[in-house]
């Protein structure tokens, strides 16, 4: 939860950006950002100490940069979602038609395999 929400309960796009950064952390690390801390400790750490979760040195540097910008203490210091999308386009190659075809093929194959393996159908 963004620091300003813990102080004022004011929801804005910038508080959503902070939350997005935390979700990105959870996806990247597969861990809860404040595991082992109690609610009061989290509030104190985020608001007073301006603490953020530790990120592995093995994490993708581009994602870490985006996360850290999203976690800025002040809402006006955080990027907009448009800026975040632009950063992704800057660091990721644009998708091609063959990429989309490969993804669809893999999804279909995975779906068919799951149907056969769970016994819910005898034929696909």
C-alpha atoms as a PDB file:
ATOM      1  CA  UNK A   1       0.000   0.000   0.000  1.00  0.00           C
ATOM      2  CA  UNK A   2       1.343   3.405  -0.985  1.00  0.00           C
ATOM      3  CA  UNK A   3       2.702   5.575   1.845  1.00  0.00           C
ATOM      4  CA  UNK A   4       0.142   8.330   1.231  1.00  0.00           C
ATOM      5  CA  UNK A   5      -2.687   5.813   1.655  1.00  0.00           C
ATOM      6  CA  UNK A   6      -1.341   4.895   5.056  1.00  0.00           C
ATOM      7  CA  UNK A   7      -1.344   8.592   5.984  1.00  0.00           C
ATOM      8  CA  UNK A   8      -4.386  10.080   4.225  1.00  0.00           C
ATOM      9  CA  UNK A   9      -6.409   7.274   2.639  1.00  0.00           C
ATOM     10  CA  UNK A  10      -6.221   9.075  -0.719  1.00  0.00           C
ATOM     11  CA  UNK A  11      -6.494   6.762  -3.747  1.00  0.00           C
ATOM     12  CA  UNK A  12      -4.988   8.071  -6.991  1.00  0.00           C
ATOM     13  CA  UNK A  13      -3.354   6.720 -10.134  1.00  0.00           C
ATOM     14  CA  UNK A  14      -0.013   7.245  -8.384  1.00  0.00           C
ATOM     15  CA  UNK A  15      -1.046   5.033  -5.450  1.00  0.00           C
ATOM     16  CA  UNK A  16      -2.035   2.405  -8.035  1.00  0.00           C
ATOM     17  CA  UNK A  17       1.423   2.759  -9.611  1.00  0.00           C
ATOM     18  CA  UNK A  18       3.000   2.055  -6.210  1.00  0.00           C
ATOM     19  CA  UNK A  19       0.796  -1.049  -5.862  1.00  0.00           C
ATOM     20  CA  UNK A  20       1.706  -2.118  -9.389  1.00  0.00           C
ATOM     21  CA  UNK A  21       5.378  -1.953  -8.405  1.00  0.00           C
ATOM     22  CA  UNK A  22       4.671  -4.253  -5.454  1.00  0.00           C
ATOM     23  CA  UNK A  23       2.755  -6.709  -7.658  1.00  0.00           C
ATOM     24  CA  UNK A  24       5.667  -6.661 -10.104  1.00  0.00           C
ATOM     25  CA  UNK A  25       7.947  -7.480  -7.152  1.00  0.00           C
ATOM     26  CA  UNK A  26       5.721 -10.423  -6.158  1.00  0.00           C
ATOM     27  CA  UNK A  27       5.643 -11.756  -9.726  1.00  0.00           C
ATOM     28  CA  UNK A  28       9.396 -11.367 -10.139  1.00  0.00           C
ATOM     29  CA  UNK A  29      10.409 -12.869  -6.788  1.00  0.00           C
ATOM     30  CA  UNK A  30       7.411 -15.126  -6.063  1.00  0.00           C
ATOM     31  CA  UNK A  31       7.545 -13.759  -2.528  1.00  0.00           C
ATOM     32  CA  UNK A  32       5.508 -11.466  -0.301  1.00  0.00           C
ATOM     33  CA  UNK A  33       7.320  -8.125   0.012  1.00  0.00           C
ATOM     34  CA  UNK A  34       6.871  -7.894   3.775  1.00  0.00           C
ATOM     35  CA  UNK A  35       6.924 -11.545   4.842  1.00  0.00           C
ATOM     36  CA  UNK A  36       7.391 -11.957   8.575  1.00  0.00           C
ATOM     37  CA  UNK A  37       6.438  -8.389   9.509  1.00  0.00           C
ATOM     38  CA  UNK A  38       3.310  -7.366  11.398  1.00  0.00           C
ATOM     39  CA  UNK A  39       0.990  -4.664  10.031  1.00  0.00           C
ATOM     40  CA  UNK A  40       2.326  -1.985  12.390  1.00  0.00           C
ATOM     41  CA  UNK A  41       5.909  -2.830  11.423  1.00  0.00           C
ATOM     42  CA  UNK A  42       5.052  -2.541   7.734  1.00  0.00           C
ATOM     43  CA  UNK A  43       3.406   0.862   8.209  1.00  0.00           C
ATOM     44  CA  UNK A  44       6.382   2.156  10.182  1.00  0.00           C
ATOM     45  CA  UNK A  45       8.857   0.738   7.671  1.00  0.00           C
ATOM     46  CA  UNK A  46       7.083   2.178   4.616  1.00  0.00           C
ATOM     47  CA  UNK A  47       5.972   5.568   5.949  1.00  0.00           C
ATOM     48  CA  UNK A  48       8.625   6.519   8.502  1.00  0.00           C
ATOM     49  CA  UNK A  49      11.731   4.634   7.374  1.00  0.00           C
ATOM     50  CA  UNK A  50      10.861   4.786   3.637  1.00  0.00           C
ATOM     51  CA  UNK A  51      11.911   1.141   3.409  1.00  0.00           C
ATOM     52  CA  UNK A  52      11.276  -1.006   0.338  1.00  0.00           C
ATOM     53  CA  UNK A  53      11.683  -4.759  -0.168  1.00  0.00           C
ATOM     54  CA  UNK A  54      15.099  -6.103  -1.100  1.00  0.00           C
ATOM     55  CA  UNK A  55      15.433  -7.229  -4.699  1.00  0.00           C
ATOM     56  CA  UNK A  56      17.742 -10.049  -5.734  1.00  0.00           C
ATOM     57  CA  UNK A  57      20.843  -9.057  -7.645  1.00  0.00           C
ATOM     58  CA  UNK A  58      19.779 -11.682 -10.194  1.00  0.00           C
ATOM     59  CA  UNK A  59      16.486  -9.940 -11.002  1.00  0.00           C
ATOM     60  CA  UNK A  60      16.133  -8.322 -14.405  1.00  0.00           C
ATOM     61  CA  UNK A  61      17.703  -4.861 -14.138  1.00  0.00           C
ATOM     62  CA  UNK A  62      15.009  -3.225 -16.290  1.00  0.00           C
ATOM     63  CA  UNK A  63      12.216  -4.605 -14.105  1.00  0.00           C
ATOM     64  CA  UNK A  64      14.053  -3.573 -10.951  1.00  0.00           C
ATOM     65  CA  UNK A  65      14.377  -0.025 -12.279  1.00  0.00           C
ATOM     66  CA  UNK A  66      10.654   0.100 -13.061  1.00  0.00           C
ATOM     67  CA  UNK A  67       9.792  -1.317  -9.624  1.00  0.00           C
ATOM     68  CA  UNK A  68      11.967   1.190  -7.811  1.00  0.00           C
ATOM     69  CA  UNK A  69      10.496   4.120  -9.742  1.00  0.00           C
ATOM     70  CA  UNK A  70       6.998   2.847  -8.880  1.00  0.00           C
ATOM     71  CA  UNK A  71       7.977   2.709  -5.194  1.00  0.00           C
ATOM     72  CA  UNK A  72       9.066   6.336  -4.952  1.00  0.00           C
ATOM     73  CA  UNK A  73       8.016   7.815  -1.615  1.00  0.00           C
ATOM     74  CA  UNK A  74       6.302  10.839  -3.141  1.00  0.00           C
ATOM     75  CA  UNK A  75       3.398  10.245  -5.539  1.00  0.00           C
ATOM     76  CA  UNK A  76       4.656  12.931  -7.933  1.00  0.00           C
ATOM     77  CA  UNK A  77       8.001  11.133  -8.181  1.00  0.00           C
ATOM     78  CA  UNK A  78       6.344   7.983  -9.568  1.00  0.00           C
ATOM     79  CA  UNK A  79       5.857   7.365 -13.285  1.00  0.00           C
ATOM     80  CA  UNK A  80       2.433   7.298 -14.899  1.00  0.00           C
ATOM     81  CA  UNK A  81       1.184   4.027 -16.378  1.00  0.00           C
ATOM     82  CA  UNK A  82       1.817   5.530 -19.818  1.00  0.00           C
ATOM     83  CA  UNK A  83       5.465   6.049 -18.814  1.00  0.00           C
ATOM     84  CA  UNK A  84       5.708   2.475 -17.535  1.00  0.00           C
ATOM     85  CA  UNK A  85       4.344   1.099 -20.822  1.00  0.00           C
ATOM     86  CA  UNK A  86       6.796   3.268 -22.769  1.00  0.00           C
ATOM     87  CA  UNK A  87       9.653   1.858 -20.664  1.00  0.00           C
ATOM     88  CA  UNK A  88       8.560  -1.693 -21.480  1.00  0.00           C
ATOM     89  CA  UNK A  89       8.501  -0.876 -25.194  1.00  0.00           C
ATOM     90  CA  UNK A  90      11.944   0.689 -24.848  1.00  0.00           C
ATOM     91  CA  UNK A  91      13.559  -2.407 -23.303  1.00  0.00           C
ATOM     92  CA  UNK A  92      11.565  -5.219 -24.925  1.00  0.00           C
ATOM     93  CA  UNK A  93      11.669  -6.071 -28.621  1.00  0.00           C
ATOM     94  CA  UNK A  94       8.325  -5.551 -30.363  1.00  0.00           C
ATOM     95  CA  UNK A  95       6.328  -8.768 -30.787  1.00  0.00           C
ATOM     96  CA  UNK A  96       6.118 -10.310 -34.233  1.00  0.00           C
ATOM     97  CA  UNK A  97       3.331 -12.291 -35.887  1.00  0.00           C
ATOM     98  CA  UNK A  98       5.335 -15.495 -35.379  1.00  0.00           C
ATOM     99  CA  UNK A  99       5.599 -14.708 -31.630  1.00  0.00           C
ATOM    100  CA  UNK A 100       1.809 -14.549 -31.405  1.00  0.00           C
ATOM    101  CA  UNK A 101       1.473 -17.770 -33.387  1.00  0.00           C
ATOM    102  CA  UNK A 102       3.985 -19.540 -31.125  1.00  0.00           C
ATOM    103  CA  UNK A 103       2.164 -18.385 -27.989  1.00  0.00           C
ATOM    104  CA  UNK A 104      -1.201 -19.554 -29.339  1.00  0.00           C
ATOM    105  CA  UNK A 105       0.232 -22.942 -30.324  1.00  0.00           C
ATOM    106  CA  UNK A 106       1.796 -23.436 -26.898  1.00  0.00           C
ATOM    107  CA  UNK A 107      -1.397 -22.415 -25.095  1.00  0.00           C
ATOM    108  CA  UNK A 108      -3.527 -24.747 -27.208  1.00  0.00           C
ATOM    109  CA  UNK A 109      -1.094 -27.617 -26.719  1.00  0.00           C
ATOM    110  CA  UNK A 110      -0.988 -27.014 -22.966  1.00  0.00           C
ATOM    111  CA  UNK A 111      -4.794 -26.854 -22.781  1.00  0.00           C
ATOM    112  CA  UNK A 112      -5.209 -30.072 -24.759  1.00  0.00           C
ATOM    113  CA  UNK A 113      -2.627 -31.794 -22.584  1.00  0.00           C
ATOM    114  CA  UNK A 114      -4.387 -30.690 -19.395  1.00  0.00           C
ATOM    115  CA  UNK A 115      -7.699 -32.041 -20.678  1.00  0.00           C
ATOM    116  CA  UNK A 116      -6.144 -35.405 -21.432  1.00  0.00           C
ATOM    117  CA  UNK A 117      -4.274 -35.578 -18.134  1.00  0.00           C
ATOM    118  CA  UNK A 118      -7.132 -34.656 -15.806  1.00  0.00           C
ATOM    119  CA  UNK A 119      -9.467 -37.327 -17.137  1.00  0.00           C
ATOM    120  CA  UNK A 120     -12.338 -34.895 -17.696  1.00  0.00           C
ATOM    121  CA  UNK A 121     -12.652 -35.854 -21.341  1.00  0.00           C
ATOM    122  CA  UNK A 122     -11.779 -38.855 -23.407  1.00  0.00           C
ATOM    123  CA  UNK A 123     -11.192 -36.982 -26.654  1.00  0.00           C
ATOM    124  CA  UNK A 124     -10.105 -33.555 -27.719  1.00  0.00           C
END
